Amino acid sequence: MTESDRNTIMIELMHRQATAPVQVELPAGRTVLEVLDLLLAHDPGKHRSPILAAKINNVIKSLYSRLSPGDRVELVDLETEDGLRIYTRSLVLVLARAAREVLPGCSVKVEHSLGNGIYGEFRYERPVKGDDVARIEARMREIVAADEPIVRHRLKKEEAAAILRASGRPDTADLVERYVPTSTVQVHTCGSFTDYAYGVLAPRTGVLRLFKLRYYLPGFILELPRPEDPTTIPPYVEQGKLANIYYEAERWGRILGVRTVSELNDAIRSGAIGDLIRVAEAFHEKKIAQIADLIAANIDRIRIVLIAGPSSSGKTTFAHRLGIQLRVNGILPVPISMDNYFIERDKTPLDEEGRPDFDSPAAVDQELFNDHLTKLIQGEEVELPTFDFLTGKRVYKGDRVKLSPRHLVVVEGIHGLNDALTASVPAGRKFKIYVSALTQLNLDDLNRISTTDVRIIRRIVRDHQFRGRSAVDTIRAWPVVRRGERRNIFPFQEAADIMFNSALVYELAVLKRWAEPLLKQVPPDVPEATEARRLLRFLSYFLPYGDEEIPATSIIREFIGGGCFPT
């Protein structure tokens, strides 16, 4: 065997759109970037979007990573959630650099998602106008067209913190210096701009060609492509109600004095977390009471309250707490679960993979559901069904209901905002509530905490506590859950009469104690290990906190247990 033979290895390259794994032969020690030409030769014309990173043995790594014998490599492009995260992080880096170059001394604060993009604001000596935003976008496009490298460096965290503080990033410097659990960290530079890396970034700016920067008083919206179609920017759809609830969350964060992970950790260290919990819970109680008061003020016309929201948003606990506040107003809620109106399992529509699609509106017996709602509103007695999930059939157990003028039907279900499911009830007789966990907490100015991340961590904990499921089970099912939300919940959220934000500023410190051990149990050789590692790294920034001071009525009790409401 020659020396060159001994240095030759086989790499199995996986790509979602390939019909089968591609075997390529190359000398040991090559980078993923050097392999791409070989892959494209085997799989021409398949890549609609830029390749941003690689998943090597279930670990997301830079395209500059070197390969070893036996490595299993999956390319990460913009058609994946991982790819979208990398694309967004990289583009925010370019945005922050461009803003500083166009408006010297200007900094960027990313706030939250909105529509198909992210909303943020500029900090500058004067209000930033529409023409300023246009100039910043033009500079971004120049940086992208130049295809500049995004260079990765590993530094001691004290050195990295000093560089970040000198470059006007005190929030990031504080988090790196005080709460990053490793002795060294990765930073990235693009031109003269340096930022701490919360994850892998794209190797060069040239792959970030698809974006729009929109002036959105008083800040901006950075519009992005979506994984389902990485070749276009979807048309912008105004979401005024969602924007307002995010503004409310930001106001709560200012009142609490906790807007970043560092500030939350400081509250834990100083012993101020108890007061923080009590005030955060009081915000929730006040908001729920206001919603109940609004319903009570219109009870002459409102006969049905519909509660909807994505998975793990706390809808069940919210419904119980709303019921208490309604009773304070002299209104007697009658809870009805839309799940009990599922059609029998053998008639349930199938999804793209041939599995029963319980999230589809067609999975609900809409005719029976509307018939019962109409009869109840008219004062007739109805026997409510119960769906037996073991047999997949609907059964009747003598649960008869008749409404008096003091009664109010409260329906919880994912289709509550879709008028097609309650077509027999006039719009004026319905009150629709959208519930979701819209966190007001950021890692730092350029890195927001995703609502989706909060919800999957909630669900991992709840599924283990109450449903006997592992973190692998929950992570594996999550893409299907998300697909159902995108189809059946998010398109209708602006139809809500009111929105309730179920996020609690302290919750990730509490959830960490339950979620970390479950995520660490995920085997490294399963596909779900990639997401488990990402979530573990995310949680590593938080100091843990116990649940002793959390009230039994808290929405977090729905996930960790110890609450006073049935889950």
Protein backbone atom coordinates (compact mmCIF):
# COMPACT_ATOMS: atom_id res chain seq x y z
CA MET A 1 0.00 0.00 0.00
CA THR A 2 1.43 3.39 -1.00
CA GLU A 3 1.50 6.44 1.24
CA SER A 4 -1.22 8.09 -0.86
CA ASP A 5 -3.41 4.99 -0.45
CA ARG A 6 -3.05 5.12 3.31
CA ASN A 7 -4.18 8.76 3.26
CA THR A 8 -7.28 8.01 1.19
CA ILE A 9 -10.57 7.79 3.09
CA MET A 10 -14.22 7.29 2.19
CA ILE A 11 -16.72 9.94 3.27
CA GLU A 12 -20.45 9.26 3.10
CA LEU A 13 -22.16 12.50 2.11
CA MET A 14 -25.87 12.78 2.84
CA HIS A 15 -28.15 15.40 1.34
CA ARG A 16 -31.90 15.60 1.81
CA GLN A 17 -32.61 15.86 -1.91
CA ALA A 18 -30.27 13.07 -2.95
CA THR A 19 -31.95 9.75 -3.70
CA ALA A 20 -29.14 7.85 -1.96
CA PRO A 21 -25.95 8.58 0.00
CA VAL A 22 -23.04 9.59 -2.18
CA GLN A 23 -19.64 7.97 -1.58
CA VAL A 24 -16.68 10.20 -2.42
CA GLU A 25 -12.99 9.37 -2.22
CA LEU A 26 -10.47 12.00 -1.13
CA PRO A 27 -7.24 12.44 0.81
CA ALA A 28 -7.61 12.63 4.58
CA GLY A 29 -7.72 16.04 6.22
CA ARG A 30 -9.66 17.89 3.51
CA THR A 31 -12.25 20.47 4.56
CA VAL A 32 -15.95 20.20 3.79
CA LEU A 33 -15.60 23.09 1.37
CA GLU A 34 -13.11 21.07 -0.66
CA VAL A 35 -15.61 18.20 -0.87
CA LEU A 36 -18.49 20.28 -2.20
CA ASP A 37 -17.33 20.17 -5.81
CA LEU A 38 -17.25 16.39 -5.63
CA LEU A 39 -20.78 16.27 -4.26
CA LEU A 40 -22.11 18.65 -6.87
CA ALA A 41 -20.58 16.47 -9.56
CA HIS A 42 -22.64 13.53 -8.26
CA ASP A 43 -25.77 15.60 -7.61
CA PRO A 44 -25.90 18.39 -10.25
CA GLY A 45 -28.66 20.97 -10.15
CA LYS A 46 -30.06 19.82 -6.83
CA HIS A 47 -29.05 22.78 -4.70
CA ARG A 48 -31.64 25.55 -4.82
CA SER A 49 -30.08 27.36 -1.87
CA PRO A 50 -26.58 28.04 -0.56
CA ILE A 51 -24.80 25.44 1.57
CA LEU A 52 -24.05 27.15 4.86
CA ALA A 53 -22.53 24.50 7.14
CA ALA A 54 -22.12 20.76 7.61
CA LYS A 55 -23.52 18.30 10.08
CA ILE A 56 -20.59 16.00 10.86
CA ASN A 57 -21.54 12.97 12.93
CA ASN A 58 -24.66 14.86 14.09
CA VAL A 59 -22.72 17.99 15.11
CA ILE A 60 -23.22 21.27 13.21
CA LYS A 61 -19.81 22.54 12.14
CA SER A 62 -18.30 25.17 9.89
CA LEU A 63 -17.58 24.37 6.26
CA TYR A 64 -13.93 24.98 7.13
CA SER A 65 -13.95 21.88 9.38
CA ARG A 66 -11.55 19.09 8.39
CA LEU A 67 -12.82 15.58 7.84
CA SER A 68 -11.55 12.32 9.30
CA PRO A 69 -11.94 8.68 8.22
CA GLY A 70 -15.43 7.37 8.91
CA ASP A 71 -17.09 10.77 9.15
CA ARG A 72 -20.74 10.98 8.13
CA VAL A 73 -21.47 14.38 6.64
CA GLU A 74 -24.80 16.02 5.92
CA LEU A 75 -24.78 19.38 4.19
CA VAL A 76 -26.84 22.14 5.80
CA ASP A 77 -28.51 24.57 3.43
CA LEU A 78 -31.30 27.13 3.68
CA GLU A 79 -33.97 24.45 3.27
CA THR A 80 -33.50 23.40 6.90
CA GLU A 81 -34.27 25.08 10.24
CA ASP A 82 -30.58 24.78 11.14
CA GLY A 83 -29.67 26.49 7.89
CA LEU A 84 -32.13 29.32 8.50
CA ARG A 85 -30.63 29.94 11.94
CA ILE A 86 -27.12 30.11 10.45
CA TYR A 87 -28.31 32.37 7.62
CA THR A 88 -30.05 34.71 10.05
CA ARG A 89 -27.11 34.92 12.46
CA SER A 90 -24.72 35.63 9.60
CA LEU A 91 -26.95 38.27 8.04
CA VAL A 92 -27.44 40.04 11.39
CA LEU A 93 -23.64 40.25 11.64
CA VAL A 94 -23.54 41.94 8.24
CA LEU A 95 -26.40 44.26 9.26
CA ALA A 96 -24.64 45.34 12.46
CA ARG A 97 -21.43 46.02 10.55
CA ALA A 98 -23.22 47.98 7.81
CA ALA A 99 -25.14 50.11 10.33
CA ARG A 100 -21.91 51.08 12.09
CA GLU A 101 -20.19 51.93 8.80
CA VAL A 102 -23.09 54.02 7.46
CA LEU A 103 -23.89 55.71 10.79
CA PRO A 104 -20.68 55.76 12.88
CA GLY A 105 -21.48 54.95 16.49
CA CYS A 106 -24.78 53.27 15.58
CA SER A 107 -25.59 49.87 17.11
CA VAL A 108 -28.30 47.32 16.39
CA LYS A 109 -30.68 45.61 18.82
CA VAL A 110 -32.59 42.61 17.52
CA GLU A 111 -35.92 42.31 19.31
CA HIS A 112 -38.11 39.45 18.02
CA SER A 113 -39.50 37.63 15.02
CA LEU A 114 -42.31 39.26 13.06
CA GLY A 115 -43.85 37.68 9.99
CA ASN A 116 -41.16 36.20 7.79
CA GLY A 117 -38.41 38.30 9.35
CA ILE A 118 -37.04 39.78 12.54
CA TYR A 119 -37.78 43.17 14.05
CA GLY A 120 -35.09 45.31 15.62
CA GLU A 121 -34.10 48.87 16.39
CA PHE A 122 -31.10 51.11 15.87
CA ARG A 123 -29.41 52.97 18.71
CA TYR A 124 -28.04 56.23 17.41
CA GLU A 125 -27.58 59.86 18.44
CA ARG A 126 -30.76 60.78 16.53
CA PRO A 127 -33.84 58.88 15.30
CA VAL A 128 -32.98 56.65 12.34
CA LYS A 129 -35.12 57.46 9.30
CA GLY A 130 -36.26 55.54 6.26
CA ASP A 131 -33.49 56.88 4.05
CA ASP A 132 -30.91 55.79 6.66
CA VAL A 133 -32.30 52.26 6.52
CA ALA A 134 -32.11 52.33 2.72
CA ARG A 135 -28.43 53.32 2.93
CA ILE A 136 -27.73 50.55 5.44
CA GLU A 137 -29.39 48.02 3.15
CA ALA A 138 -27.32 49.27 0.21
CA ARG A 139 -24.12 48.85 2.25
CA MET A 140 -25.18 45.34 3.23
CA ARG A 141 -25.57 44.46 -0.43
CA GLU A 142 -22.09 45.83 -1.18
CA ILE A 143 -20.61 43.62 1.57
CA VAL A 144 -22.47 40.59 0.23
CA ALA A 145 -21.46 41.31 -3.37
CA ALA A 146 -17.80 41.53 -2.29
CA ASP A 147 -18.06 37.96 -0.95
CA GLU A 148 -15.95 38.82 2.07
CA PRO A 149 -14.80 36.07 4.43
CA ILE A 150 -16.41 35.63 7.83
CA VAL A 151 -13.36 34.56 9.81
CA ARG A 152 -13.54 32.35 12.89
CA HIS A 153 -11.16 32.84 15.85
CA ARG A 154 -10.88 30.96 19.14
CA LEU A 155 -9.82 33.17 22.04
CA LYS A 156 -9.63 33.03 25.80
CA LYS A 157 -12.93 34.37 27.01
CA GLU A 158 -11.29 37.24 28.93
CA GLU A 159 -9.54 38.33 25.73
CA ALA A 160 -12.76 38.01 23.73
CA ALA A 161 -14.69 40.01 26.35
CA ALA A 162 -12.12 42.82 26.20
CA ILE A 163 -12.37 43.02 22.41
CA LEU A 164 -16.17 43.03 22.52
CA ARG A 165 -16.28 45.71 25.21
CA ALA A 166 -13.86 47.89 23.22
CA SER A 167 -16.03 47.50 20.13
CA GLY A 168 -19.17 48.72 21.88
CA ARG A 169 -20.71 45.38 22.82
CA PRO A 170 -20.83 45.54 26.67
CA ASP A 171 -23.87 43.25 26.92
CA THR A 172 -22.12 40.47 25.03
CA ALA A 173 -18.83 41.04 26.83
CA ASP A 174 -20.57 40.68 30.18
CA LEU A 175 -22.27 37.42 29.20
CA VAL A 176 -19.03 35.95 27.80
CA GLU A 177 -16.90 36.97 30.78
CA ARG A 178 -19.30 35.99 33.56
CA TYR A 179 -21.62 33.27 32.29
CA VAL A 180 -20.03 31.33 29.42
CA PRO A 181 -19.04 28.00 31.03
CA THR A 182 -15.91 27.40 28.89
CA SER A 183 -12.44 28.94 29.14
CA THR A 184 -12.25 29.76 25.43
CA VAL A 185 -14.85 31.06 23.00
CA GLN A 186 -15.28 31.55 19.28
CA VAL A 187 -15.59 35.01 17.81
CA HIS A 188 -16.10 35.95 14.18
CA THR A 189 -14.84 38.95 12.28
CA CYS A 190 -16.24 40.41 9.10
CA GLY A 191 -14.18 43.36 7.94
CA SER A 192 -13.52 45.41 11.08
CA PHE A 193 -16.60 44.11 12.92
CA THR A 194 -16.20 41.46 15.62
CA ASP A 195 -18.95 39.45 17.31
CA TYR A 196 -19.23 36.51 19.69
CA ALA A 197 -20.55 33.40 17.95
CA TYR A 198 -23.56 31.67 19.49
CA GLY A 199 -23.30 29.09 16.77
CA VAL A 200 -21.80 28.37 13.35
CA LEU A 201 -21.82 31.17 10.78
CA ALA A 202 -21.64 31.11 7.00
CA PRO A 203 -18.07 31.01 5.63
CA ARG A 204 -18.44 34.07 3.40
CA THR A 205 -20.87 36.95 2.88
CA GLY A 206 -21.52 35.97 -0.75
CA VAL A 207 -24.01 33.26 0.23
CA LEU A 208 -26.29 35.83 1.95
CA ARG A 209 -27.78 37.36 -1.16
CA LEU A 210 -31.48 36.99 -0.40
CA PHE A 211 -32.91 39.53 2.09
CA LYS A 212 -34.81 42.80 2.41
CA LEU A 213 -34.34 45.51 5.01
CA ARG A 214 -37.62 47.33 5.64
CA TYR A 215 -38.03 50.54 7.66
CA TYR A 216 -40.62 49.76 10.35
CA LEU A 217 -41.16 52.67 12.72
CA PRO A 218 -39.28 53.05 15.02
CA GLY A 219 -36.91 50.31 13.81
CA PHE A 220 -36.59 47.81 10.98
CA ILE A 221 -37.66 44.40 9.79
CA LEU A 222 -35.03 42.16 8.22
CA GLU A 223 -37.04 39.99 5.83
CA LEU A 224 -35.72 36.49 5.15
CA PRO A 225 -36.45 33.53 2.89
CA ARG A 226 -38.17 30.48 4.37
CA PRO A 227 -36.92 26.86 4.33
CA GLU A 228 -39.95 25.75 2.31
CA ASP A 229 -38.91 28.12 -0.51
CA PRO A 230 -35.34 29.37 -0.12
CA THR A 231 -35.31 31.15 -3.49
CA THR A 232 -37.70 34.02 -2.71
CA ILE A 233 -38.70 36.45 0.02
CA PRO A 234 -42.39 35.88 0.84
CA PRO A 235 -44.71 38.90 0.51
CA TYR A 236 -44.75 40.89 3.71
CA VAL A 237 -47.97 40.55 5.72
CA GLU A 238 -48.66 43.14 8.42
CA GLN A 239 -49.16 41.59 11.88
CA GLY A 240 -50.17 44.54 14.00
CA LYS A 241 -51.69 42.58 16.88
CA LEU A 242 -48.64 40.35 17.22
CA ALA A 243 -46.36 43.39 17.08
CA ASN A 244 -48.35 45.03 19.88
CA ILE A 245 -48.06 41.99 22.15
CA TYR A 246 -44.30 41.98 21.58
CA TYR A 247 -44.21 45.67 22.52
CA GLU A 248 -46.08 44.75 25.70
CA ALA A 249 -43.49 42.04 26.41
CA GLU A 250 -40.68 44.57 25.98
CA ARG A 251 -42.45 46.94 28.39
CA TRP A 252 -42.73 44.14 30.95
CA GLY A 253 -39.01 43.46 30.52
CA ARG A 254 -38.18 47.11 31.21
CA ILE A 255 -40.40 47.19 34.30
CA LEU A 256 -38.83 43.99 35.62
CA GLY A 257 -35.34 45.25 34.81
CA VAL A 258 -34.50 41.97 33.08
CA ARG A 259 -34.04 42.02 29.32
CA THR A 260 -30.98 39.80 28.85
CA VAL A 261 -29.76 36.48 30.19
CA SER A 262 -27.00 38.25 32.12
CA GLU A 263 -29.57 40.38 33.95
CA LEU A 264 -31.61 37.28 34.81
CA ASN A 265 -28.50 35.50 36.09
CA ASP A 266 -27.62 38.58 38.15
CA ALA A 267 -31.08 38.48 39.75
CA ILE A 268 -30.52 34.84 40.70
CA ARG A 269 -27.08 35.55 42.14
CA SER A 270 -28.25 38.56 44.13
CA GLY A 271 -31.29 36.81 45.58
CA ALA A 272 -33.73 39.15 43.81
CA ILE A 273 -35.26 36.32 41.79
CA GLY A 274 -38.10 35.78 44.29
CA ASP A 275 -39.47 39.28 43.76
CA LEU A 276 -38.96 38.88 40.02
CA ILE A 277 -41.08 35.71 40.01
CA ARG A 278 -43.86 37.36 42.01
CA VAL A 279 -44.03 40.43 39.76
CA ALA A 280 -43.90 38.33 36.57
CA GLU A 281 -46.76 36.16 37.85
CA ALA A 282 -48.69 39.29 38.83
CA PHE A 283 -48.37 40.56 35.23
CA HIS A 284 -50.03 37.34 34.07
CA GLU A 285 -52.82 37.52 36.64
CA LYS A 286 -53.56 41.14 35.84
CA LYS A 287 -53.71 40.45 32.11
CA ILE A 288 -56.00 37.44 32.56
CA ALA A 289 -58.29 39.50 34.81
CA GLN A 290 -58.43 42.25 32.16
CA ILE A 291 -59.43 39.69 29.52
CA ALA A 292 -62.17 38.32 31.79
CA ASP A 293 -63.41 41.86 32.48
CA LEU A 294 -63.56 42.55 28.75
CA ILE A 295 -65.62 39.40 28.16
CA ALA A 296 -67.91 40.24 31.08
CA ALA A 297 -68.51 43.74 29.71
CA ASN A 298 -69.78 42.16 26.48
CA ILE A 299 -71.48 39.07 27.90
CA ASP A 300 -74.85 40.03 26.39
CA ARG A 301 -73.49 39.16 22.96
CA ILE A 302 -70.55 36.79 23.64
CA ARG A 303 -71.61 33.17 24.09
CA ILE A 304 -68.40 31.32 23.14
CA VAL A 305 -64.76 31.95 24.04
CA LEU A 306 -62.26 30.20 21.76
CA ILE A 307 -58.68 29.69 22.96
CA ALA A 308 -55.98 28.66 20.47
CA GLY A 309 -52.22 28.72 20.25
CA PRO A 310 -49.21 26.63 19.25
CA SER A 311 -47.91 23.61 21.16
CA SER A 312 -46.71 24.19 24.74
CA SER A 313 -48.02 27.74 24.89
CA GLY A 314 -49.80 27.09 28.19
CA LYS A 315 -53.34 27.10 26.82
CA THR A 316 -54.66 24.62 29.41
CA THR A 317 -53.51 26.57 32.45
CA PHE A 318 -54.59 29.83 30.84
CA ALA A 319 -58.09 28.41 30.30
CA HIS A 320 -58.32 27.36 33.97
CA ARG A 321 -57.15 30.76 35.21
CA LEU A 322 -59.48 32.59 32.84
CA GLY A 323 -62.32 30.45 34.18
CA ILE A 324 -61.56 31.61 37.72
CA GLN A 325 -61.57 35.25 36.69
CA LEU A 326 -64.83 34.75 34.78
CA ARG A 327 -66.41 33.33 37.92
CA VAL A 328 -65.23 36.43 39.81
CA ASN A 329 -67.37 38.34 37.28
CA GLY A 330 -70.37 36.08 37.94
CA ILE A 331 -69.92 34.06 34.73
CA LEU A 332 -69.91 30.26 34.82
CA PRO A 333 -67.57 28.78 32.17
CA VAL A 334 -68.47 25.48 30.50
CA PRO A 335 -65.24 23.98 29.09
CA ILE A 336 -65.44 22.00 25.84
CA SER A 337 -62.44 20.35 24.20
CA MET A 338 -62.38 20.33 20.42
CA ASP A 339 -60.34 17.11 20.62
CA ASN A 340 -63.48 15.25 21.71
CA TYR A 341 -64.97 15.98 18.29
CA PHE A 342 -62.33 14.07 16.32
CA ILE A 343 -63.76 11.84 13.63
CA GLU A 344 -63.06 8.15 14.14
CA ARG A 345 -59.45 7.23 13.56
CA ASP A 346 -60.00 5.06 10.49
CA LYS A 347 -61.51 8.11 8.75
CA THR A 348 -58.82 10.58 9.83
CA PRO A 349 -57.05 12.31 6.91
CA LEU A 350 -53.44 11.33 6.28
CA ASP A 351 -50.42 13.62 6.02
CA GLU A 352 -47.67 13.51 3.39
CA GLU A 353 -46.01 10.56 5.12
CA GLY A 354 -49.24 8.56 5.29
CA ARG A 355 -49.76 9.09 9.03
CA PRO A 356 -53.02 10.26 10.65
CA ASP A 357 -53.07 14.05 10.58
CA PHE A 358 -54.88 15.06 13.77
CA ASP A 359 -53.89 18.69 13.23
CA SER A 360 -55.94 18.95 10.04
CA PRO A 361 -59.32 20.74 10.30
CA ALA A 362 -60.73 17.74 8.44
CA ALA A 363 -59.89 15.57 11.48
CA VAL A 364 -62.69 17.32 13.39
CA ASP A 365 -66.38 16.45 12.92
CA GLN A 366 -67.24 20.02 12.07
CA GLU A 367 -70.90 19.30 11.42
CA LEU A 368 -71.46 17.78 14.89
CA PHE A 369 -69.33 20.43 16.58
CA ASN A 370 -71.32 23.28 15.01
CA ASP A 371 -74.61 21.53 15.72
CA HIS A 372 -73.77 21.28 19.42
CA LEU A 373 -72.58 24.88 19.64
CA THR A 374 -75.77 26.15 17.97
CA LYS A 375 -78.00 24.13 20.28
CA LEU A 376 -76.14 25.26 23.39
CA ILE A 377 -76.40 28.94 22.41
CA GLN A 378 -80.13 28.47 21.87
CA GLY A 379 -80.58 26.99 25.32
CA GLU A 380 -81.00 23.35 24.32
CA GLU A 381 -79.49 20.46 26.23
CA VAL A 382 -76.60 18.60 24.55
CA GLU A 383 -74.81 15.39 25.42
CA LEU A 384 -71.11 16.07 24.93
CA PRO A 385 -68.92 13.35 23.42
CA THR A 386 -65.59 12.03 24.68
CA PHE A 387 -62.94 10.82 22.25
CA ASP A 388 -61.31 7.57 23.35
CA PHE A 389 -57.72 7.83 22.13
CA LEU A 390 -57.08 4.15 22.87
CA THR A 391 -59.84 2.87 20.60
CA GLY A 392 -59.88 5.83 18.23
CA LYS A 393 -63.65 6.19 18.59
CA ARG A 394 -66.05 8.75 19.98
CA VAL A 395 -68.10 7.65 23.01
CA TYR A 396 -70.91 9.17 25.09
CA LYS A 397 -70.86 8.96 28.88
CA GLY A 398 -74.00 10.91 29.78
CA ASP A 399 -72.21 14.28 30.06
CA ARG A 400 -75.21 16.54 29.44
CA VAL A 401 -74.95 20.33 29.33
CA LYS A 402 -77.53 23.09 29.15
CA LEU A 403 -76.60 26.75 29.36
CA SER A 404 -78.24 29.37 31.52
CA PRO A 405 -77.76 33.10 30.87
CA ARG A 406 -74.83 32.98 33.34
CA HIS A 407 -73.03 30.22 31.45
CA LEU A 408 -70.38 30.71 28.78
CA VAL A 409 -68.87 28.05 26.51
CA VAL A 410 -65.05 28.00 26.60
CA VAL A 411 -63.43 25.98 23.80
CA GLU A 412 -59.73 25.10 23.78
CA GLY A 413 -58.27 23.71 20.55
CA ILE A 414 -55.73 24.50 17.86
CA HIS A 415 -58.45 25.50 15.37
CA GLY A 416 -60.15 28.00 17.66
CA LEU A 417 -59.21 31.00 15.51
CA ASN A 418 -60.31 29.36 12.25
CA ASP A 419 -63.88 30.52 11.59
CA ALA A 420 -64.48 27.49 9.37
CA LEU A 421 -64.60 25.33 12.51
CA THR A 422 -67.33 27.49 14.06
CA ALA A 423 -69.09 28.59 10.90
CA SER A 424 -72.58 28.30 12.45
CA VAL A 425 -71.78 30.89 15.12
CA PRO A 426 -71.92 34.57 14.06
CA ALA A 427 -68.68 36.48 14.51
CA GLY A 428 -70.19 38.82 17.07
CA ARG A 429 -71.08 35.91 19.35
CA LYS A 430 -67.47 34.64 19.53
CA PHE A 431 -64.47 35.93 21.46
CA LYS A 432 -61.15 34.56 20.20
CA ILE A 433 -57.94 34.44 22.25
CA TYR A 434 -54.48 33.60 20.91
CA VAL A 435 -51.98 32.27 23.48
CA SER A 436 -48.23 31.93 22.85
CA ALA A 437 -44.94 32.23 24.73
CA LEU A 438 -43.43 35.40 23.28
CA THR A 439 -40.33 35.80 25.40
CA GLN A 440 -39.03 39.28 26.17
CA LEU A 441 -35.57 37.93 27.00
CA ASN A 442 -32.53 38.18 24.70
CA LEU A 443 -29.11 36.57 24.92
CA ASP A 444 -27.66 39.94 23.94
CA ASP A 445 -28.40 42.79 21.54
CA LEU A 446 -27.85 40.76 18.36
CA ASN A 447 -29.19 37.39 19.50
CA ARG A 448 -32.82 36.99 20.43
CA ILE A 449 -34.31 33.98 22.19
CA SER A 450 -36.68 32.21 19.86
CA THR A 451 -40.25 31.58 20.96
CA THR A 452 -39.93 28.16 19.33
CA ASP A 453 -36.94 27.28 21.53
CA VAL A 454 -38.86 28.15 24.68
CA ARG A 455 -41.79 26.01 23.58
CA ILE A 456 -39.76 22.92 22.64
CA ILE A 457 -37.95 23.04 26.00
CA ARG A 458 -41.32 23.31 27.74
CA ARG A 459 -42.60 20.36 25.73
CA ILE A 460 -39.53 18.17 26.38
CA VAL A 461 -40.05 18.64 30.12
CA ARG A 462 -43.82 18.12 30.02
CA ASP A 463 -43.66 15.06 27.76
CA HIS A 464 -41.26 13.40 30.17
CA GLN A 465 -43.14 14.44 33.31
CA PHE A 466 -46.66 13.51 32.22
CA ARG A 467 -46.51 11.43 29.03
CA GLY A 468 -43.54 9.12 29.57
CA ARG A 469 -41.72 10.34 26.46
CA SER A 470 -38.00 10.85 26.06
CA ALA A 471 -36.33 13.95 24.68
CA VAL A 472 -35.62 11.95 21.52
CA ASP A 473 -39.35 11.29 21.08
CA THR A 474 -40.24 14.95 21.51
CA ILE A 475 -37.49 16.26 19.22
CA ARG A 476 -38.37 13.69 16.56
CA ALA A 477 -42.04 14.72 16.57
CA TRP A 478 -41.33 18.46 16.65
CA PRO A 479 -41.04 19.07 12.86
CA VAL A 480 -44.51 17.57 12.35
CA VAL A 481 -45.87 19.71 15.19
CA ARG A 482 -44.31 22.81 13.65
CA ARG A 483 -45.71 21.99 10.22
CA GLY A 484 -49.20 21.76 11.71
CA GLU A 485 -48.76 25.12 13.43
CA ARG A 486 -47.65 26.83 10.23
CA ARG A 487 -50.70 25.50 8.42
CA ASN A 488 -53.43 25.63 11.02
CA ILE A 489 -52.55 28.20 13.70
CA PHE A 490 -50.20 30.98 12.59
CA PRO A 491 -52.24 32.01 9.51
CA PHE A 492 -55.18 32.82 11.81
CA GLN A 493 -53.43 34.52 14.75
CA GLU A 494 -54.31 38.04 13.63
CA ALA A 495 -57.99 37.03 13.72
CA ALA A 496 -57.82 36.90 17.53
CA ASP A 497 -59.75 39.49 19.52
CA ILE A 498 -56.93 39.53 22.03
CA MET A 499 -53.51 37.91 22.50
CA PHE A 500 -52.03 36.58 25.73
CA ASN A 501 -48.29 36.20 26.18
CA SER A 502 -47.65 33.15 28.38
CA ALA A 503 -43.86 33.60 28.59
CA LEU A 504 -42.30 34.18 32.00
CA VAL A 505 -38.98 35.99 32.15
CA TYR A 506 -37.54 33.55 34.71
CA GLU A 507 -38.79 30.27 33.24
CA LEU A 508 -35.69 29.05 31.38
CA ALA A 509 -33.66 29.15 34.60
CA VAL A 510 -36.28 26.85 36.15
CA LEU A 511 -36.80 24.61 33.11
CA LYS A 512 -33.03 24.09 32.85
CA ARG A 513 -33.03 21.82 35.92
CA TRP A 514 -35.51 19.46 34.26
CA ALA A 515 -34.46 19.77 30.61
CA GLU A 516 -30.67 19.39 30.87
CA PRO A 517 -30.65 15.80 32.22
CA LEU A 518 -33.17 14.75 29.57
CA LEU A 519 -31.17 16.31 26.73
CA LYS A 520 -27.94 14.72 28.00
CA GLN A 521 -29.60 11.30 27.71
CA VAL A 522 -29.98 11.68 23.91
CA PRO A 523 -27.55 9.20 22.29
CA PRO A 524 -24.88 10.91 20.16
CA ASP A 525 -25.48 8.65 17.16
CA VAL A 526 -29.18 9.51 16.55
CA PRO A 527 -30.28 12.39 14.30
CA GLU A 528 -31.99 14.10 17.23
CA ALA A 529 -28.59 14.57 18.89
CA THR A 530 -27.96 17.69 16.78
CA GLU A 531 -30.94 19.52 18.25
CA ALA A 532 -30.22 18.20 21.75
CA ARG A 533 -26.68 19.61 21.61
CA ARG A 534 -27.95 22.96 20.36
CA LEU A 535 -30.50 23.22 23.18
CA LEU A 536 -27.92 22.17 25.77
CA ARG A 537 -25.58 24.89 24.61
CA PHE A 538 -28.43 27.41 24.73
CA LEU A 539 -29.34 26.41 28.30
CA SER A 540 -25.69 26.58 29.38
CA TYR A 541 -25.92 30.40 29.51
CA PHE A 542 -28.58 30.27 32.26
CA LEU A 543 -27.98 29.79 35.96
CA PRO A 544 -30.41 27.16 37.30
CA TYR A 545 -33.12 28.02 39.80
CA GLY A 546 -35.54 25.87 41.78
CA ASP A 547 -39.33 25.97 41.76
CA GLU A 548 -39.99 26.59 45.46
CA GLU A 549 -41.27 30.14 44.96
CA ILE A 550 -43.40 29.41 41.89
CA PRO A 551 -47.14 29.51 42.70
CA ALA A 552 -49.33 26.47 42.06
CA THR A 553 -51.35 28.49 39.52
CA SER A 554 -48.31 29.39 37.36
CA ILE A 555 -48.32 28.43 33.71
CA ILE A 556 -44.89 26.83 34.26
CA ARG A 557 -46.53 24.29 36.56
CA GLU A 558 -48.26 22.85 33.48
CA PHE A 559 -44.83 21.64 32.38
CA ILE A 560 -42.83 20.90 35.54
CA GLY A 561 -45.71 19.70 37.72
CA GLY A 562 -46.80 20.71 41.21
CA GLY A 563 -49.70 22.79 39.95
CA CYS A 564 -53.28 22.94 41.17
CA PHE A 565 -54.90 22.46 37.76
CA PRO A 566 -55.27 19.17 35.84
CA THR A 567 -52.80 18.93 32.94
